[in-house]
Amino acid sequence: TLKGPDGDEVTLTIDPENVYLSNLTIGQEVTSTQAINIVAELRKPSEEELAEPFVMEVDTGSNNNINDPAASLNTKIHMVATVTAHDKKAGTATLTGPNGRSLVVNPTDPKVEKHLKVGKTVIIYYTSLRIIKLDPVAAK
């Protein structure tokens, strides 16, 4: 479990083959970099998407180089969500996924916002790549 400077926590599974990262100790500092890409399409779902409205793939990798030990976690989610609320005044829309969880988004493109209506489906492609790097502890 990693705890960031703002107190946010994320729990990851480390490949036991990564001998450097598997020997982490509580309180040890690491560098964690995350890149997120989200693409959404306002359209009807395909038959395949209706049959499987939530698909998540997770790939892990590791670098066992003693001079550059690191691990990566790549998560891809393809999900069918529904617009369950649209507040034009606030400029927000609430999307609810097949698991019942909701997310309030702020569409920035007025062309997109004008097409948001309660009951419409949104196809979401979410990709997250997190790289954890074991950095040498800096002298204090």
N, C-alpha and C. Protein backbone atom coordinates (compact mmCIF):
# COMPACT_ATOMS: atom_id res chain seq x y z
N THR A 1 0.85 -1.18 0.00
CA THR A 1 0.00 0.00 0.00
C THR A 1 0.89 1.22 0.00
N LEU A 2 0.67 2.10 -0.97
CA LEU A 2 1.42 3.34 -1.07
C LEU A 2 0.58 4.48 -0.53
N LYS A 3 1.19 5.37 0.23
CA LYS A 3 0.51 6.54 0.75
C LYS A 3 1.21 7.78 0.22
N GLY A 4 0.46 8.60 -0.49
CA GLY A 4 1.02 9.80 -1.10
C GLY A 4 1.13 10.94 -0.11
N PRO A 5 1.78 12.03 -0.52
CA PRO A 5 1.99 13.17 0.36
C PRO A 5 0.67 13.83 0.79
N ASP A 6 -0.39 13.64 0.01
CA ASP A 6 -1.70 14.21 0.36
C ASP A 6 -2.55 13.25 1.18
N GLY A 7 -2.00 12.07 1.51
CA GLY A 7 -2.71 11.09 2.34
C GLY A 7 -3.48 10.05 1.55
N ASP A 8 -3.60 10.21 0.22
CA ASP A 8 -4.30 9.22 -0.60
C ASP A 8 -3.51 7.91 -0.57
N GLU A 9 -4.23 6.79 -0.55
CA GLU A 9 -3.59 5.49 -0.54
C GLU A 9 -4.03 4.68 -1.75
N VAL A 10 -3.11 3.87 -2.26
CA VAL A 10 -3.40 2.93 -3.34
C VAL A 10 -2.69 1.63 -3.00
N THR A 11 -3.41 0.51 -3.16
CA THR A 11 -2.84 -0.80 -2.88
C THR A 11 -2.59 -1.52 -4.19
N LEU A 12 -1.37 -2.00 -4.38
CA LEU A 12 -0.96 -2.67 -5.59
C LEU A 12 -0.39 -4.04 -5.25
N THR A 13 -0.47 -4.96 -6.18
CA THR A 13 0.15 -6.27 -6.01
C THR A 13 1.47 -6.26 -6.76
N ILE A 14 2.54 -6.60 -6.06
CA ILE A 14 3.88 -6.60 -6.65
C ILE A 14 4.24 -8.02 -7.07
N ASP A 15 4.75 -8.13 -8.27
CA ASP A 15 5.21 -9.42 -8.78
C ASP A 15 6.32 -9.95 -7.87
N PRO A 16 6.14 -11.12 -7.26
CA PRO A 16 7.17 -11.65 -6.36
C PRO A 16 8.50 -11.90 -7.06
N GLU A 17 8.48 -11.96 -8.40
CA GLU A 17 9.72 -12.15 -9.15
C GLU A 17 10.59 -10.89 -9.13
N ASN A 18 9.98 -9.74 -8.82
CA ASN A 18 10.73 -8.50 -8.74
C ASN A 18 11.39 -8.44 -7.37
N VAL A 19 12.61 -8.93 -7.29
CA VAL A 19 13.28 -9.10 -6.01
C VAL A 19 13.54 -7.77 -5.30
N TYR A 20 13.69 -6.69 -6.03
CA TYR A 20 13.97 -5.41 -5.40
C TYR A 20 12.72 -4.79 -4.81
N LEU A 21 11.63 -4.82 -5.55
CA LEU A 21 10.40 -4.23 -5.03
C LEU A 21 9.71 -5.13 -4.02
N SER A 22 9.94 -6.44 -4.09
CA SER A 22 9.31 -7.34 -3.12
C SER A 22 9.94 -7.20 -1.74
N ASN A 23 11.09 -6.54 -1.66
CA ASN A 23 11.76 -6.33 -0.38
C ASN A 23 11.52 -4.95 0.20
N LEU A 24 10.50 -4.26 -0.28
CA LEU A 24 10.17 -2.95 0.27
C LEU A 24 9.83 -3.07 1.75
N THR A 25 10.14 -2.04 2.49
CA THR A 25 9.80 -2.03 3.91
C THR A 25 8.83 -0.89 4.19
N ILE A 26 8.06 -1.03 5.24
CA ILE A 26 7.10 0.01 5.61
C ILE A 26 7.88 1.28 5.94
N GLY A 27 7.43 2.38 5.38
CA GLY A 27 8.08 3.67 5.60
C GLY A 27 9.11 4.02 4.55
N GLN A 28 9.46 3.06 3.71
CA GLN A 28 10.45 3.33 2.66
C GLN A 28 9.83 4.20 1.58
N GLU A 29 10.60 5.13 1.06
CA GLU A 29 10.09 6.03 0.04
C GLU A 29 10.33 5.46 -1.35
N VAL A 30 9.30 5.59 -2.19
CA VAL A 30 9.37 5.20 -3.59
C VAL A 30 8.80 6.33 -4.42
N THR A 31 9.07 6.30 -5.71
CA THR A 31 8.48 7.26 -6.63
C THR A 31 7.38 6.53 -7.39
N SER A 32 6.20 7.12 -7.42
CA SER A 32 5.08 6.53 -8.14
C SER A 32 4.55 7.56 -9.11
N THR A 33 4.58 7.21 -10.38
CA THR A 33 4.10 8.11 -11.43
C THR A 33 2.90 7.45 -12.10
N GLN A 34 1.85 8.23 -12.32
CA GLN A 34 0.66 7.67 -12.94
C GLN A 34 0.21 8.56 -14.09
N ALA A 35 -0.11 7.93 -15.20
CA ALA A 35 -0.68 8.63 -16.36
C ALA A 35 -2.06 8.04 -16.61
N ILE A 36 -3.05 8.90 -16.80
CA ILE A 36 -4.42 8.45 -17.03
C ILE A 36 -4.94 9.04 -18.32
N ASN A 37 -5.61 8.22 -19.10
CA ASN A 37 -6.24 8.66 -20.34
C ASN A 37 -7.69 8.18 -20.32
N ILE A 38 -8.62 9.10 -20.55
CA ILE A 38 -10.03 8.75 -20.58
C ILE A 38 -10.64 9.26 -21.88
N VAL A 39 -11.28 8.37 -22.60
CA VAL A 39 -12.00 8.72 -23.82
C VAL A 39 -13.43 8.25 -23.64
N ALA A 40 -14.37 9.11 -24.02
CA ALA A 40 -15.78 8.74 -23.89
C ALA A 40 -16.50 8.99 -25.21
N GLU A 41 -17.39 8.07 -25.54
CA GLU A 41 -18.20 8.20 -26.75
C GLU A 41 -19.66 8.21 -26.34
N LEU A 42 -20.40 9.19 -26.80
CA LEU A 42 -21.83 9.28 -26.53
C LEU A 42 -22.54 8.55 -27.67
N ARG A 43 -22.83 7.25 -27.42
CA ARG A 43 -23.46 6.43 -28.45
C ARG A 43 -24.12 5.22 -27.82
N LYS A 44 -24.91 4.53 -28.63
CA LYS A 44 -25.53 3.29 -28.17
C LYS A 44 -24.46 2.20 -28.10
N PRO A 45 -24.55 1.33 -27.11
CA PRO A 45 -23.58 0.23 -27.01
C PRO A 45 -23.81 -0.83 -28.08
N SER A 46 -22.72 -1.50 -28.45
CA SER A 46 -22.81 -2.62 -29.39
C SER A 46 -23.39 -3.83 -28.66
N GLU A 47 -23.73 -4.86 -29.40
CA GLU A 47 -24.23 -6.10 -28.79
C GLU A 47 -23.20 -6.67 -27.82
N GLU A 48 -21.94 -6.63 -28.23
CA GLU A 48 -20.86 -7.14 -27.38
C GLU A 48 -20.76 -6.34 -26.09
N GLU A 49 -20.88 -5.01 -26.19
CA GLU A 49 -20.81 -4.16 -25.00
C GLU A 49 -22.02 -4.38 -24.09
N LEU A 50 -23.18 -4.64 -24.68
CA LEU A 50 -24.36 -4.94 -23.86
C LEU A 50 -24.19 -6.26 -23.11
N ALA A 51 -23.58 -7.24 -23.78
CA ALA A 51 -23.37 -8.55 -23.16
C ALA A 51 -22.34 -8.46 -22.03
N GLU A 52 -21.36 -7.59 -22.19
CA GLU A 52 -20.30 -7.44 -21.19
C GLU A 52 -20.04 -5.94 -21.00
N PRO A 53 -20.87 -5.27 -20.15
CA PRO A 53 -20.78 -3.82 -20.03
C PRO A 53 -19.58 -3.29 -19.24
N PHE A 54 -18.86 -4.18 -18.58
CA PHE A 54 -17.67 -3.76 -17.82
C PHE A 54 -16.56 -4.77 -18.04
N VAL A 55 -15.48 -4.32 -18.66
CA VAL A 55 -14.33 -5.18 -18.91
C VAL A 55 -13.09 -4.47 -18.35
N MET A 56 -12.36 -5.19 -17.50
CA MET A 56 -11.13 -4.63 -16.95
C MET A 56 -9.98 -5.59 -17.20
N GLU A 57 -8.88 -5.05 -17.73
CA GLU A 57 -7.67 -5.83 -17.95
C GLU A 57 -6.56 -5.17 -17.15
N VAL A 58 -5.77 -5.98 -16.47
CA VAL A 58 -4.65 -5.48 -15.69
C VAL A 58 -3.40 -6.23 -16.11
N ASP A 59 -2.38 -5.49 -16.50
CA ASP A 59 -1.09 -6.06 -16.86
C ASP A 59 -0.04 -5.49 -15.91
N THR A 60 0.86 -6.34 -15.47
CA THR A 60 1.95 -5.87 -14.62
C THR A 60 3.27 -6.20 -15.29
N GLY A 61 4.25 -5.44 -14.94
CA GLY A 61 5.59 -5.68 -15.46
C GLY A 61 6.60 -5.27 -14.41
N SER A 62 7.83 -5.70 -14.58
CA SER A 62 8.86 -5.31 -13.63
C SER A 62 10.21 -5.22 -14.32
N ASN A 63 11.05 -4.43 -13.73
CA ASN A 63 12.41 -4.26 -14.19
C ASN A 63 13.31 -4.64 -13.02
N ASN A 64 14.01 -5.75 -13.15
CA ASN A 64 14.85 -6.23 -12.06
C ASN A 64 16.29 -5.73 -12.14
N ASN A 65 16.51 -4.70 -12.93
CA ASN A 65 17.84 -4.12 -13.04
C ASN A 65 18.19 -3.47 -11.69
N ILE A 66 19.27 -3.91 -11.07
CA ILE A 66 19.65 -3.40 -9.74
C ILE A 66 19.86 -1.88 -9.76
N ASN A 67 20.24 -1.32 -10.92
CA ASN A 67 20.46 0.11 -11.01
C ASN A 67 19.18 0.90 -11.28
N ASP A 68 18.11 0.21 -11.63
CA ASP A 68 16.86 0.89 -11.97
C ASP A 68 15.67 0.01 -11.66
N PRO A 69 15.52 -0.47 -10.40
CA PRO A 69 14.41 -1.36 -10.09
C PRO A 69 13.08 -0.63 -10.19
N ALA A 70 12.11 -1.24 -10.83
CA ALA A 70 10.80 -0.61 -11.00
C ALA A 70 9.75 -1.67 -11.28
N ALA A 71 8.50 -1.27 -11.14
CA ALA A 71 7.37 -2.13 -11.48
C ALA A 71 6.31 -1.25 -12.13
N SER A 72 5.49 -1.86 -12.96
CA SER A 72 4.42 -1.09 -13.61
C SER A 72 3.10 -1.83 -13.48
N LEU A 73 2.04 -1.07 -13.47
CA LEU A 73 0.69 -1.60 -13.41
C LEU A 73 -0.11 -0.85 -14.46
N ASN A 74 -0.59 -1.58 -15.47
CA ASN A 74 -1.35 -0.98 -16.56
C ASN A 74 -2.78 -1.50 -16.46
N THR A 75 -3.72 -0.59 -16.27
CA THR A 75 -5.13 -0.96 -16.13
C THR A 75 -5.92 -0.37 -17.28
N LYS A 76 -6.74 -1.21 -17.92
CA LYS A 76 -7.62 -0.75 -19.00
C LYS A 76 -9.05 -1.13 -18.64
N ILE A 77 -9.94 -0.16 -18.74
CA ILE A 77 -11.35 -0.41 -18.47
C ILE A 77 -12.17 0.06 -19.66
N HIS A 78 -13.06 -0.78 -20.09
CA HIS A 78 -14.02 -0.45 -21.16
C HIS A 78 -15.39 -0.65 -20.52
N MET A 79 -16.18 0.44 -20.44
CA MET A 79 -17.40 0.38 -19.67
C MET A 79 -18.55 1.11 -20.36
N VAL A 80 -19.73 0.57 -20.20
CA VAL A 80 -20.95 1.22 -20.66
C VAL A 80 -21.56 1.92 -19.44
N ALA A 81 -21.73 3.23 -19.54
CA ALA A 81 -22.34 4.01 -18.46
C ALA A 81 -23.59 4.70 -18.99
N THR A 82 -24.41 5.16 -18.08
CA THR A 82 -25.63 5.85 -18.44
C THR A 82 -25.64 7.23 -17.79
N VAL A 83 -26.09 8.23 -18.53
CA VAL A 83 -26.26 9.57 -17.96
C VAL A 83 -27.48 9.50 -17.05
N THR A 84 -27.26 9.69 -15.74
CA THR A 84 -28.37 9.60 -14.79
C THR A 84 -28.80 10.96 -14.26
N ALA A 85 -28.00 11.99 -14.51
CA ALA A 85 -28.37 13.36 -14.14
C ALA A 85 -27.57 14.32 -15.00
N HIS A 86 -28.17 15.47 -15.28
CA HIS A 86 -27.48 16.50 -16.06
C HIS A 86 -27.90 17.86 -15.52
N ASP A 87 -26.95 18.56 -14.93
CA ASP A 87 -27.20 19.88 -14.37
C ASP A 87 -26.59 20.91 -15.31
N LYS A 88 -27.40 21.45 -16.18
CA LYS A 88 -26.89 22.41 -17.18
C LYS A 88 -26.33 23.66 -16.52
N LYS A 89 -26.98 24.11 -15.46
CA LYS A 89 -26.53 25.33 -14.77
C LYS A 89 -25.13 25.14 -14.19
N ALA A 90 -24.90 23.99 -13.57
CA ALA A 90 -23.59 23.69 -12.98
C ALA A 90 -22.60 23.18 -14.02
N GLY A 91 -23.11 22.77 -15.19
CA GLY A 91 -22.24 22.23 -16.24
C GLY A 91 -21.71 20.85 -15.91
N THR A 92 -22.52 20.05 -15.20
CA THR A 92 -22.07 18.70 -14.81
C THR A 92 -23.05 17.64 -15.30
N ALA A 93 -22.54 16.44 -15.41
CA ALA A 93 -23.37 15.28 -15.73
C ALA A 93 -22.95 14.15 -14.81
N THR A 94 -23.90 13.35 -14.39
CA THR A 94 -23.61 12.18 -13.56
C THR A 94 -23.71 10.94 -14.43
N LEU A 95 -22.63 10.17 -14.44
CA LEU A 95 -22.58 8.91 -15.19
C LEU A 95 -22.63 7.77 -14.19
N THR A 96 -23.46 6.78 -14.47
CA THR A 96 -23.58 5.62 -13.59
C THR A 96 -23.23 4.37 -14.40
N GLY A 97 -22.31 3.60 -13.85
CA GLY A 97 -21.84 2.38 -14.52
C GLY A 97 -22.70 1.18 -14.19
N PRO A 98 -22.38 0.05 -14.79
CA PRO A 98 -23.17 -1.17 -14.59
C PRO A 98 -23.11 -1.70 -13.16
N ASN A 99 -22.10 -1.27 -12.39
CA ASN A 99 -21.99 -1.71 -11.00
C ASN A 99 -22.75 -0.79 -10.05
N GLY A 100 -23.42 0.24 -10.60
CA GLY A 100 -24.20 1.16 -9.78
C GLY A 100 -23.42 2.33 -9.23
N ARG A 101 -22.12 2.35 -9.43
CA ARG A 101 -21.31 3.47 -8.95
C ARG A 101 -21.44 4.64 -9.91
N SER A 102 -21.43 5.85 -9.34
CA SER A 102 -21.60 7.06 -10.15
C SER A 102 -20.40 7.97 -10.07
N LEU A 103 -20.27 8.78 -11.11
CA LEU A 103 -19.19 9.76 -11.20
C LEU A 103 -19.76 11.02 -11.81
N VAL A 104 -19.48 12.15 -11.18
CA VAL A 104 -19.91 13.44 -11.72
C VAL A 104 -18.77 13.97 -12.58
N VAL A 105 -19.08 14.33 -13.82
CA VAL A 105 -18.07 14.84 -14.75
C VAL A 105 -18.46 16.25 -15.19
N ASN A 106 -17.46 16.99 -15.64
CA ASN A 106 -17.67 18.34 -16.15
C ASN A 106 -17.28 18.37 -17.62
N PRO A 107 -18.23 18.11 -18.52
CA PRO A 107 -17.89 18.16 -19.94
C PRO A 107 -17.44 19.57 -20.32
N THR A 108 -16.30 19.66 -20.98
CA THR A 108 -15.75 20.98 -21.32
C THR A 108 -16.12 21.44 -22.72
N ASP A 109 -16.58 20.52 -23.54
CA ASP A 109 -16.93 20.87 -24.91
C ASP A 109 -18.44 21.14 -24.99
N PRO A 110 -18.84 22.38 -25.30
CA PRO A 110 -20.27 22.70 -25.38
C PRO A 110 -21.02 21.84 -26.40
N LYS A 111 -20.33 21.40 -27.45
CA LYS A 111 -20.97 20.55 -28.46
C LYS A 111 -21.36 19.20 -27.86
N VAL A 112 -20.54 18.71 -26.94
CA VAL A 112 -20.85 17.44 -26.27
C VAL A 112 -21.95 17.65 -25.24
N GLU A 113 -21.81 18.71 -24.46
CA GLU A 113 -22.77 18.94 -23.38
C GLU A 113 -24.21 19.07 -23.89
N LYS A 114 -24.38 19.66 -25.05
CA LYS A 114 -25.75 19.85 -25.55
C LYS A 114 -26.42 18.51 -25.92
N HIS A 115 -25.61 17.46 -26.10
CA HIS A 115 -26.17 16.14 -26.43
C HIS A 115 -26.39 15.26 -25.20
N LEU A 116 -25.94 15.72 -24.04
CA LEU A 116 -26.11 14.93 -22.82
C LEU A 116 -27.55 15.01 -22.35
N LYS A 117 -28.16 13.87 -22.26
CA LYS A 117 -29.54 13.79 -21.77
C LYS A 117 -29.64 12.56 -20.88
N VAL A 118 -30.44 12.68 -19.83
CA VAL A 118 -30.64 11.56 -18.92
C VAL A 118 -31.14 10.36 -19.72
N GLY A 119 -30.52 9.21 -19.49
CA GLY A 119 -30.88 7.98 -20.18
C GLY A 119 -29.96 7.63 -21.34
N LYS A 120 -29.18 8.59 -21.83
CA LYS A 120 -28.24 8.31 -22.93
C LYS A 120 -27.08 7.46 -22.40
N THR A 121 -26.51 6.65 -23.30
CA THR A 121 -25.36 5.83 -22.90
C THR A 121 -24.06 6.49 -23.34
N VAL A 122 -23.06 6.26 -22.52
CA VAL A 122 -21.71 6.75 -22.78
C VAL A 122 -20.78 5.55 -22.69
N ILE A 123 -19.97 5.37 -23.71
CA ILE A 123 -18.98 4.29 -23.71
C ILE A 123 -17.67 4.90 -23.26
N ILE A 124 -17.10 4.35 -22.19
CA ILE A 124 -15.90 4.92 -21.60
C ILE A 124 -14.73 3.97 -21.78
N TYR A 125 -13.61 4.54 -22.23
CA TYR A 125 -12.34 3.82 -22.35
C TYR A 125 -11.38 4.51 -21.38
N TYR A 126 -10.98 3.80 -20.34
CA TYR A 126 -10.12 4.35 -19.30
C TYR A 126 -8.82 3.55 -19.29
N THR A 127 -7.70 4.24 -19.36
CA THR A 127 -6.41 3.58 -19.29
C THR A 127 -5.57 4.29 -18.23
N SER A 128 -4.95 3.51 -17.37
CA SER A 128 -4.08 4.04 -16.32
C SER A 128 -2.78 3.26 -16.32
N LEU A 129 -1.69 3.97 -16.35
CA LEU A 129 -0.37 3.34 -16.25
C LEU A 129 0.32 3.92 -15.03
N ARG A 130 0.66 3.05 -14.08
CA ARG A 130 1.38 3.49 -12.88
C ARG A 130 2.75 2.83 -12.88
N ILE A 131 3.78 3.63 -12.67
CA ILE A 131 5.15 3.13 -12.57
C ILE A 131 5.66 3.43 -11.17
N ILE A 132 6.16 2.40 -10.52
CA ILE A 132 6.72 2.54 -9.18
C ILE A 132 8.21 2.30 -9.29
N LYS A 133 8.97 3.25 -8.78
CA LYS A 133 10.41 3.15 -8.90
C LYS A 133 11.03 3.24 -7.50
N LEU A 134 11.91 2.32 -7.22
CA LEU A 134 12.61 2.29 -5.94
C LEU A 134 13.83 3.20 -6.06
N ASP A 135 13.68 4.38 -5.48
CA ASP A 135 14.78 5.35 -5.55
C ASP A 135 15.66 5.23 -4.32
N PRO A 136 16.93 5.55 -4.48
CA PRO A 136 17.80 5.53 -3.30
C PRO A 136 17.31 6.56 -2.29
N VAL A 137 17.41 6.24 -1.03
CA VAL A 137 16.98 7.17 0.01
C VAL A 137 17.97 8.33 0.06
N ALA A 138 17.44 9.54 -0.03
CA ALA A 138 18.29 10.74 -0.02
C ALA A 138 18.84 10.97 1.39
N ALA A 139 20.07 11.41 1.44
CA ALA A 139 20.69 11.73 2.72
C ALA A 139 20.01 12.95 3.32
N LYS A 140 19.79 12.90 4.63
CA LYS A 140 19.11 14.03 5.31
C LYS A 140 20.08 14.88 6.06
